[in-house]
Amino acid sequence: MNDTYLGGPVVECRALTRSFTDAGHRVTVLRGVNLAVARGERVAIVGTSGAGKSSLLHLMGGLDTPTSGQVRVAGQDISRLSGGERGRLRNRSLGFVYQFHHLLPEFSVVENVAMPLLVRREGVHRARQKATTLLERVGLTSRLDHKPGEISGGERQRVAIARALVNDPLCVLADEPTGNLDPATADSVYQLMMRLNRDLGTSIVTVTHDMDLARRMDRVLRMSGGYLEELSPDDVRAGSAAG
């Protein structure tokens, strides 16, 4: 687990707005969003398609720039960092899981998982060793040298989760991580994410349409009309994902 940052929220949004121009019209996606994610916390963000969930996640990950407001990762305002500094902070502090695994088809499973460590110039032996350990944790010991095209969709998503965790991030940002899986496979991926959160203490923020996944989180927030609101336990039980 990443122990370089011990105080305050691992990821924090302060009065975050995001607007863009489409066909000459000003479109505002986020309107003053505030969110603080504690270490080890599990947060789900739900809402209708186009509500701004993925836009918020991209801003939290430093993949986009806010129109106004602030995103802090491990206590640092990422808008004040250079491109290189922002990339290094992402590499040290954040992991990413998407609906589509984005594995590199020409590399083996273990090479894909080791890649974030190699990017930051870790030794090949150590990177492969750590990747192997994580793949054992997610039940893929027998798939180390397979290519992504040689394993199932659920296995590919488990590889993507291992890759997201290989840098010991403070927080994993997951965008519809089970949206491309059948219900049984999705359930196994849910259980894996919860177990790794419990064992490793990594925070999880997941954007999802799936209230079964959302109910397993510590908090459920709904994005609607550019605003973020926390749902009550009764709303969560009732499955109120719509805006």
C-alpha atoms as a PDB file:
ATOM      1  CA  MET A   1       0.000   0.000   0.000  1.00  0.00           C
ATOM      2  CA  ASN A   2       1.222   3.526  -0.811  1.00  0.00           C
ATOM      3  CA  ASP A   3       2.311   5.055   2.518  1.00  0.00           C
ATOM      4  CA  THR A   4       3.751   8.316   1.197  1.00  0.00           C
ATOM      5  CA  TYR A   5       0.561  10.248   2.023  1.00  0.00           C
ATOM      6  CA  LEU A   6      -1.056   9.861   5.407  1.00  0.00           C
ATOM      7  CA  GLY A   7      -3.276  12.905   5.962  1.00  0.00           C
ATOM      8  CA  GLY A   8      -6.657  14.074   4.703  1.00  0.00           C
ATOM      9  CA  PRO A   9      -8.736  12.820   1.768  1.00  0.00           C
ATOM     10  CA  VAL A  10      -6.897  10.791  -0.865  1.00  0.00           C
ATOM     11  CA  VAL A  11      -8.897  12.553  -3.608  1.00  0.00           C
ATOM     12  CA  GLU A  12     -10.868  15.763  -3.134  1.00  0.00           C
ATOM     13  CA  CYS A  13     -12.982  17.958  -5.439  1.00  0.00           C
ATOM     14  CA  ARG A  14     -13.691  21.540  -4.411  1.00  0.00           C
ATOM     15  CA  ALA A  15     -16.393  23.621  -6.167  1.00  0.00           C
ATOM     16  CA  LEU A  16     -15.645  21.776  -9.390  1.00  0.00           C
ATOM     17  CA  THR A  17     -17.232  22.968 -12.649  1.00  0.00           C
ATOM     18  CA  ARG A  18     -16.804  21.770 -16.211  1.00  0.00           C
ATOM     19  CA  SER A  19     -18.243  23.474 -19.281  1.00  0.00           C
ATOM     20  CA  PHE A  20     -17.603  23.157 -23.002  1.00  0.00           C
ATOM     21  CA  THR A  21     -18.922  24.580 -26.244  1.00  0.00           C
ATOM     22  CA  ASP A  22     -20.930  22.334 -28.578  1.00  0.00           C
ATOM     23  CA  ALA A  23     -22.173  23.680 -31.921  1.00  0.00           C
ATOM     24  CA  GLY A  24     -21.869  27.224 -30.610  1.00  0.00           C
ATOM     25  CA  HIS A  25     -23.763  26.514 -27.394  1.00  0.00           C
ATOM     26  CA  ARG A  26     -22.277  26.582 -23.910  1.00  0.00           C
ATOM     27  CA  VAL A  27     -22.915  23.271 -22.121  1.00  0.00           C
ATOM     28  CA  THR A  28     -22.244  22.936 -18.389  1.00  0.00           C
ATOM     29  CA  VAL A  29     -21.700  19.370 -17.223  1.00  0.00           C
ATOM     30  CA  LEU A  30     -20.627  19.930 -13.598  1.00  0.00           C
ATOM     31  CA  ARG A  31     -21.870  22.740 -11.363  1.00  0.00           C
ATOM     32  CA  GLY A  32     -19.852  23.231  -8.200  1.00  0.00           C
ATOM     33  CA  VAL A  33     -19.200  19.591  -7.256  1.00  0.00           C
ATOM     34  CA  ASN A  34     -17.666  18.886  -3.854  1.00  0.00           C
ATOM     35  CA  LEU A  35     -16.411  15.429  -2.905  1.00  0.00           C
ATOM     36  CA  ALA A  36     -13.849  14.073  -0.460  1.00  0.00           C
ATOM     37  CA  VAL A  37     -12.786  10.414  -0.549  1.00  0.00           C
ATOM     38  CA  ALA A  38     -11.208   9.050   2.615  1.00  0.00           C
ATOM     39  CA  ARG A  39      -8.453   6.473   2.674  1.00  0.00           C
ATOM     40  CA  GLY A  40      -9.891   3.002   2.239  1.00  0.00           C
ATOM     41  CA  GLU A  41     -13.386   4.325   1.472  1.00  0.00           C
ATOM     42  CA  ARG A  42     -15.624   2.836  -1.234  1.00  0.00           C
ATOM     43  CA  VAL A  43     -17.769   5.352  -3.129  1.00  0.00           C
ATOM     44  CA  ALA A  44     -20.250   4.739  -5.952  1.00  0.00           C
ATOM     45  CA  ILE A  45     -21.426   7.481  -8.314  1.00  0.00           C
ATOM     46  CA  VAL A  46     -24.710   6.714 -10.078  1.00  0.00           C
ATOM     47  CA  GLY A  47     -27.014   8.635 -12.407  1.00  0.00           C
ATOM     48  CA  THR A  48     -28.509   8.617 -15.867  1.00  0.00           C
ATOM     49  CA  SER A  49     -26.403   8.476 -19.034  1.00  0.00           C
ATOM     50  CA  GLY A  50     -24.952  11.883 -19.863  1.00  0.00           C
ATOM     51  CA  ALA A  51     -25.307  13.174 -16.298  1.00  0.00           C
ATOM     52  CA  GLY A  52     -21.576  13.908 -16.022  1.00  0.00           C
ATOM     53  CA  LYS A  53     -20.381  10.870 -14.055  1.00  0.00           C
ATOM     54  CA  SER A  54     -17.509   9.969 -16.370  1.00  0.00           C
ATOM     55  CA  SER A  55     -16.573  13.650 -16.754  1.00  0.00           C
ATOM     56  CA  LEU A  56     -16.191  13.876 -12.980  1.00  0.00           C
ATOM     57  CA  LEU A  57     -14.078  10.724 -12.878  1.00  0.00           C
ATOM     58  CA  HIS A  58     -11.791  12.052 -15.631  1.00  0.00           C
ATOM     59  CA  LEU A  59     -11.286  15.270 -13.690  1.00  0.00           C
ATOM     60  CA  MET A  60     -10.530  13.332 -10.496  1.00  0.00           C
ATOM     61  CA  GLY A  61      -7.924  11.338 -12.390  1.00  0.00           C
ATOM     62  CA  GLY A  62      -6.249  14.377 -13.913  1.00  0.00           C
ATOM     63  CA  LEU A  63      -7.277  13.262 -17.405  1.00  0.00           C
ATOM     64  CA  ASP A  64      -9.210  16.498 -17.995  1.00  0.00           C
ATOM     65  CA  THR A  65      -8.988  20.066 -16.692  1.00  0.00           C
ATOM     66  CA  PRO A  66     -11.840  21.758 -14.781  1.00  0.00           C
ATOM     67  CA  THR A  67     -13.338  25.037 -15.945  1.00  0.00           C
ATOM     68  CA  SER A  68     -13.104  26.188 -12.346  1.00  0.00           C
ATOM     69  CA  GLY A  69     -12.571  24.658  -8.938  1.00  0.00           C
ATOM     70  CA  GLN A  70      -9.902  22.322  -7.704  1.00  0.00           C
ATOM     71  CA  VAL A  71      -8.995  18.643  -7.675  1.00  0.00           C
ATOM     72  CA  ARG A  72      -6.522  17.505  -5.038  1.00  0.00           C
ATOM     73  CA  VAL A  73      -4.849  14.096  -5.179  1.00  0.00           C
ATOM     74  CA  ALA A  74      -2.780  13.072  -2.162  1.00  0.00           C
ATOM     75  CA  GLY A  75      -3.047  16.669  -0.971  1.00  0.00           C
ATOM     76  CA  GLN A  76      -1.731  18.219  -4.195  1.00  0.00           C
ATOM     77  CA  ASP A  77      -3.720  20.545  -6.440  1.00  0.00           C
ATOM     78  CA  ILE A  78      -3.225  18.809  -9.771  1.00  0.00           C
ATOM     79  CA  SER A  79      -3.967  21.963 -11.782  1.00  0.00           C
ATOM     80  CA  ARG A  80      -0.753  23.465 -10.401  1.00  0.00           C
ATOM     81  CA  LEU A  81       1.386  20.597 -11.650  1.00  0.00           C
ATOM     82  CA  SER A  82       3.153  20.352 -14.993  1.00  0.00           C
ATOM     83  CA  GLY A  83       2.108  17.587 -17.377  1.00  0.00           C
ATOM     84  CA  GLY A  84       5.036  15.454 -16.291  1.00  0.00           C
ATOM     85  CA  GLU A  85       4.382  16.014 -12.591  1.00  0.00           C
ATOM     86  CA  ARG A  86       0.699  15.193 -13.069  1.00  0.00           C
ATOM     87  CA  GLY A  87       1.607  11.968 -14.855  1.00  0.00           C
ATOM     88  CA  ARG A  88       3.957  10.949 -12.058  1.00  0.00           C
ATOM     89  CA  LEU A  89       1.309  11.699  -9.420  1.00  0.00           C
ATOM     90  CA  ARG A  90      -1.241   9.587 -11.312  1.00  0.00           C
ATOM     91  CA  ASN A  91       1.276   6.770 -11.596  1.00  0.00           C
ATOM     92  CA  ARG A  92       2.054   6.822  -7.856  1.00  0.00           C
ATOM     93  CA  SER A  93      -1.369   7.547  -6.375  1.00  0.00           C
ATOM     94  CA  LEU A  94      -4.149   6.411  -8.741  1.00  0.00           C
ATOM     95  CA  GLY A  95      -5.237   3.264 -10.535  1.00  0.00           C
ATOM     96  CA  PHE A  96      -7.761   3.160 -13.380  1.00  0.00           C
ATOM     97  CA  VAL A  97     -10.262   0.474 -14.437  1.00  0.00           C
ATOM     98  CA  TYR A  98     -12.590   0.990 -17.397  1.00  0.00           C
ATOM     99  CA  GLN A  99     -15.554  -0.851 -18.900  1.00  0.00           C
ATOM    100  CA  PHE A 100     -13.230  -2.067 -21.648  1.00  0.00           C
ATOM    101  CA  HIS A 101      -9.984  -3.434 -20.278  1.00  0.00           C
ATOM    102  CA  HIS A 102      -7.572  -1.557 -22.617  1.00  0.00           C
ATOM    103  CA  LEU A 103      -4.943  -4.280 -22.303  1.00  0.00           C
ATOM    104  CA  LEU A 104      -2.125  -4.248 -24.850  1.00  0.00           C
ATOM    105  CA  PRO A 105      -2.823  -7.225 -27.142  1.00  0.00           C
ATOM    106  CA  GLU A 106       0.785  -7.865 -28.121  1.00  0.00           C
ATOM    107  CA  PHE A 107       1.953  -8.306 -24.517  1.00  0.00           C
ATOM    108  CA  SER A 108       1.322 -11.173 -22.112  1.00  0.00           C
ATOM    109  CA  VAL A 109      -0.934 -10.884 -19.075  1.00  0.00           C
ATOM    110  CA  VAL A 110       1.999 -10.487 -16.677  1.00  0.00           C
ATOM    111  CA  GLU A 111       3.657  -7.917 -18.966  1.00  0.00           C
ATOM    112  CA  ASN A 112       0.429  -5.880 -19.098  1.00  0.00           C
ATOM    113  CA  VAL A 113       0.192  -5.798 -15.312  1.00  0.00           C
ATOM    114  CA  ALA A 114       3.881  -4.919 -14.929  1.00  0.00           C
ATOM    115  CA  MET A 115       3.654  -2.061 -17.447  1.00  0.00           C
ATOM    116  CA  PRO A 116       2.898   0.810 -14.959  1.00  0.00           C
ATOM    117  CA  LEU A 117       6.004  -0.182 -12.964  1.00  0.00           C
ATOM    118  CA  LEU A 118       8.137  -0.326 -16.094  1.00  0.00           C
ATOM    119  CA  VAL A 119       6.854   3.115 -17.127  1.00  0.00           C
ATOM    120  CA  ARG A 120       8.296   4.530 -13.922  1.00  0.00           C
ATOM    121  CA  ARG A 121      11.557   2.657 -14.601  1.00  0.00           C
ATOM    122  CA  GLU A 122      11.299  -0.135 -12.044  1.00  0.00           C
ATOM    123  CA  GLY A 123      13.582  -3.083 -12.765  1.00  0.00           C
ATOM    124  CA  VAL A 124      12.089  -5.732 -15.055  1.00  0.00           C
ATOM    125  CA  HIS A 125      12.576  -8.548 -12.530  1.00  0.00           C
ATOM    126  CA  ARG A 126      10.949  -6.671  -9.662  1.00  0.00           C
ATOM    127  CA  ALA A 127       8.084  -5.451 -11.866  1.00  0.00           C
ATOM    128  CA  ARG A 128       7.367  -8.955 -13.120  1.00  0.00           C
ATOM    129  CA  GLN A 129       7.590 -10.378  -9.602  1.00  0.00           C
ATOM    130  CA  LYS A 130       5.089  -7.870  -8.226  1.00  0.00           C
ATOM    131  CA  ALA A 131       2.752  -8.351 -11.192  1.00  0.00           C
ATOM    132  CA  THR A 132       2.874 -12.114 -10.649  1.00  0.00           C
ATOM    133  CA  THR A 133       1.973 -11.719  -6.970  1.00  0.00           C
ATOM    134  CA  LEU A 134      -1.073  -9.598  -7.829  1.00  0.00           C
ATOM    135  CA  LEU A 135      -2.194 -11.983 -10.548  1.00  0.00           C
ATOM    136  CA  GLU A 136      -2.037 -14.783  -7.989  1.00  0.00           C
ATOM    137  CA  ARG A 137      -4.299 -12.688  -5.743  1.00  0.00           C
ATOM    138  CA  VAL A 138      -6.894 -12.370  -8.513  1.00  0.00           C
ATOM    139  CA  GLY A 139      -6.756 -16.079  -9.369  1.00  0.00           C
ATOM    140  CA  LEU A 140      -4.837 -15.914 -12.650  1.00  0.00           C
ATOM    141  CA  THR A 141      -1.642 -17.820 -11.833  1.00  0.00           C
ATOM    142  CA  SER A 142      -2.192 -20.123 -14.806  1.00  0.00           C
ATOM    143  CA  ARG A 143      -2.647 -17.236 -17.254  1.00  0.00           C
ATOM    144  CA  LEU A 144       0.590 -15.285 -16.745  1.00  0.00           C
ATOM    145  CA  ASP A 145       2.007 -15.862 -20.213  1.00  0.00           C
ATOM    146  CA  HIS A 146      -1.266 -15.809 -22.134  1.00  0.00           C
ATOM    147  CA  LYS A 147      -2.087 -12.874 -24.403  1.00  0.00           C
ATOM    148  CA  PRO A 148      -5.318 -10.914 -23.692  1.00  0.00           C
ATOM    149  CA  GLY A 149      -6.982 -12.467 -26.755  1.00  0.00           C
ATOM    150  CA  GLU A 150      -6.450 -15.938 -25.253  1.00  0.00           C
ATOM    151  CA  ILE A 151      -8.434 -15.381 -22.050  1.00  0.00           C
ATOM    152  CA  SER A 152     -12.100 -14.672 -21.258  1.00  0.00           C
ATOM    153  CA  GLY A 153     -13.701 -11.247 -20.791  1.00  0.00           C
ATOM    154  CA  GLY A 154     -13.960 -11.709 -17.040  1.00  0.00           C
ATOM    155  CA  GLU A 155     -10.325 -12.743 -16.849  1.00  0.00           C
ATOM    156  CA  ARG A 156      -9.298  -9.702 -18.879  1.00  0.00           C
ATOM    157  CA  GLN A 157     -11.116  -7.438 -16.426  1.00  0.00           C
ATOM    158  CA  ARG A 158      -9.368  -9.147 -13.512  1.00  0.00           C
ATOM    159  CA  VAL A 159      -6.056  -8.458 -15.274  1.00  0.00           C
ATOM    160  CA  ALA A 160      -7.097  -4.794 -15.609  1.00  0.00           C
ATOM    161  CA  ILE A 161      -7.830  -4.649 -11.877  1.00  0.00           C
ATOM    162  CA  ALA A 162      -4.432  -6.165 -11.081  1.00  0.00           C
ATOM    163  CA  ARG A 163      -2.783  -3.592 -13.353  1.00  0.00           C
ATOM    164  CA  ALA A 164      -4.649  -0.779 -11.559  1.00  0.00           C
ATOM    165  CA  LEU A 165      -3.310  -2.004  -8.209  1.00  0.00           C
ATOM    166  CA  VAL A 166       0.287  -2.817  -9.126  1.00  0.00           C
ATOM    167  CA  ASN A 167       1.546   0.656  -8.114  1.00  0.00           C
ATOM    168  CA  ASP A 168      -0.071   0.426  -4.650  1.00  0.00           C
ATOM    169  CA  PRO A 169      -2.345   3.390  -5.423  1.00  0.00           C
ATOM    170  CA  LEU A 170      -4.179   5.364  -2.778  1.00  0.00           C
ATOM    171  CA  CYS A 171      -7.350   5.220  -4.888  1.00  0.00           C
ATOM    172  CA  VAL A 172      -8.726   3.239  -7.830  1.00  0.00           C
ATOM    173  CA  LEU A 173     -11.069   5.103 -10.189  1.00  0.00           C
ATOM    174  CA  ALA A 174     -13.375   2.649 -11.977  1.00  0.00           C
ATOM    175  CA  ASP A 175     -15.659   3.653 -14.860  1.00  0.00           C
ATOM    176  CA  GLU A 176     -18.426   1.046 -15.384  1.00  0.00           C
ATOM    177  CA  PRO A 177     -15.956  -1.750 -14.509  1.00  0.00           C
ATOM    178  CA  THR A 178     -18.523  -4.513 -15.034  1.00  0.00           C
ATOM    179  CA  GLY A 179     -20.615  -2.901 -17.776  1.00  0.00           C
ATOM    180  CA  ASN A 180     -19.323  -5.278 -20.446  1.00  0.00           C
ATOM    181  CA  LEU A 181     -19.740  -8.492 -18.424  1.00  0.00           C
ATOM    182  CA  ASP A 182     -22.549 -10.977 -17.941  1.00  0.00           C
ATOM    183  CA  PRO A 183     -24.212 -10.956 -14.471  1.00  0.00           C
ATOM    184  CA  ALA A 184     -22.335 -13.962 -13.057  1.00  0.00           C
ATOM    185  CA  THR A 185     -18.943 -12.683 -14.217  1.00  0.00           C
ATOM    186  CA  ALA A 186     -19.798  -9.173 -13.022  1.00  0.00           C
ATOM    187  CA  ASP A 187     -20.587 -10.553  -9.572  1.00  0.00           C
ATOM    188  CA  SER A 188     -17.201 -12.281  -9.367  1.00  0.00           C
ATOM    189  CA  VAL A 189     -15.485  -9.002 -10.330  1.00  0.00           C
ATOM    190  CA  TYR A 190     -17.518  -7.121  -7.660  1.00  0.00           C
ATOM    191  CA  GLN A 191     -16.415  -9.602  -5.041  1.00  0.00           C
ATOM    192  CA  LEU A 192     -12.798  -9.301  -6.141  1.00  0.00           C
ATOM    193  CA  MET A 193     -12.881  -5.494  -5.893  1.00  0.00           C
ATOM    194  CA  MET A 194     -14.394  -5.642  -2.409  1.00  0.00           C
ATOM    195  CA  ARG A 195     -11.844  -8.204  -1.226  1.00  0.00           C
ATOM    196  CA  LEU A 196      -8.895  -6.202  -2.533  1.00  0.00           C
ATOM    197  CA  ASN A 197     -10.294  -3.038  -0.940  1.00  0.00           C
ATOM    198  CA  ARG A 198     -10.521  -4.860   2.382  1.00  0.00           C
ATOM    199  CA  ASP A 199      -7.111  -6.549   2.131  1.00  0.00           C
ATOM    200  CA  LEU A 200      -5.094  -3.669   0.659  1.00  0.00           C
ATOM    201  CA  GLY A 201      -6.935  -0.622   2.030  1.00  0.00           C
ATOM    202  CA  THR A 202      -7.176   1.016  -1.392  1.00  0.00           C
ATOM    203  CA  SER A 203     -10.002   3.548  -1.816  1.00  0.00           C
ATOM    204  CA  ILE A 204     -12.421   2.868  -4.675  1.00  0.00           C
ATOM    205  CA  VAL A 205     -14.525   5.380  -6.592  1.00  0.00           C
ATOM    206  CA  THR A 206     -16.701   3.665  -9.174  1.00  0.00           C
ATOM    207  CA  VAL A 207     -19.089   5.121 -11.724  1.00  0.00           C
ATOM    208  CA  THR A 208     -21.833   2.592 -12.359  1.00  0.00           C
ATOM    209  CA  HIS A 209     -25.409   2.067 -13.548  1.00  0.00           C
ATOM    210  CA  ASP A 210     -25.513  -1.135 -11.507  1.00  0.00           C
ATOM    211  CA  MET A 211     -27.188  -0.608  -8.138  1.00  0.00           C
ATOM    212  CA  ASP A 212     -26.113  -4.105  -7.040  1.00  0.00           C
ATOM    213  CA  LEU A 213     -22.529  -2.882  -7.162  1.00  0.00           C
ATOM    214  CA  ALA A 214     -23.430   0.518  -5.680  1.00  0.00           C
ATOM    215  CA  ARG A 215     -25.077  -1.102  -2.642  1.00  0.00           C
ATOM    216  CA  ARG A 216     -21.772  -2.743  -1.737  1.00  0.00           C
ATOM    217  CA  MET A 217     -20.079   0.631  -1.321  1.00  0.00           C
ATOM    218  CA  ASP A 218     -19.799   2.761   1.808  1.00  0.00           C
ATOM    219  CA  ARG A 219     -21.492   5.733   0.131  1.00  0.00           C
ATOM    220  CA  VAL A 220     -23.641   6.182  -2.954  1.00  0.00           C
ATOM    221  CA  LEU A 221     -23.755   9.585  -4.669  1.00  0.00           C
ATOM    222  CA  ARG A 222     -26.082  10.544  -7.504  1.00  0.00           C
ATOM    223  CA  MET A 223     -25.104  12.893 -10.316  1.00  0.00           C
ATOM    224  CA  SER A 224     -28.054  14.867 -11.653  1.00  0.00           C
ATOM    225  CA  GLY A 225     -28.239  18.203 -13.459  1.00  0.00           C
ATOM    226  CA  GLY A 226     -24.535  18.786 -12.897  1.00  0.00           C
ATOM    227  CA  TYR A 227     -24.843  18.406  -9.118  1.00  0.00           C
ATOM    228  CA  LEU A 228     -23.714  15.599  -6.839  1.00  0.00           C
ATOM    229  CA  GLU A 229     -25.896  14.508  -3.927  1.00  0.00           C
ATOM    230  CA  GLU A 230     -25.505  11.716  -1.416  1.00  0.00           C
ATOM    231  CA  LEU A 231     -28.297   9.158  -1.400  1.00  0.00           C
ATOM    232  CA  SER A 232     -29.897   8.055   1.843  1.00  0.00           C
ATOM    233  CA  PRO A 233     -29.742   4.364   2.812  1.00  0.00           C
ATOM    234  CA  ASP A 234     -33.465   4.091   1.960  1.00  0.00           C
ATOM    235  CA  ASP A 235     -32.874   5.477  -1.546  1.00  0.00           C
ATOM    236  CA  VAL A 236     -29.968   3.093  -2.046  1.00  0.00           C
ATOM    237  CA  ARG A 237     -32.060   0.126  -0.973  1.00  0.00           C
ATOM    238  CA  ALA A 238     -34.837   1.259  -3.313  1.00  0.00           C
ATOM    239  CA  GLY A 239     -32.362   1.422  -6.202  1.00  0.00           C
ATOM    240  CA  SER A 240     -32.709   5.161  -6.932  1.00  0.00           C
ATOM    241  CA  ALA A 241     -30.011   5.523  -9.584  1.00  0.00           C
ATOM    242  CA  ALA A 242     -31.958   7.763 -11.946  1.00  0.00           C
ATOM    243  CA  GLY A 243     -31.579  11.507 -11.927  1.00  0.00           C
END
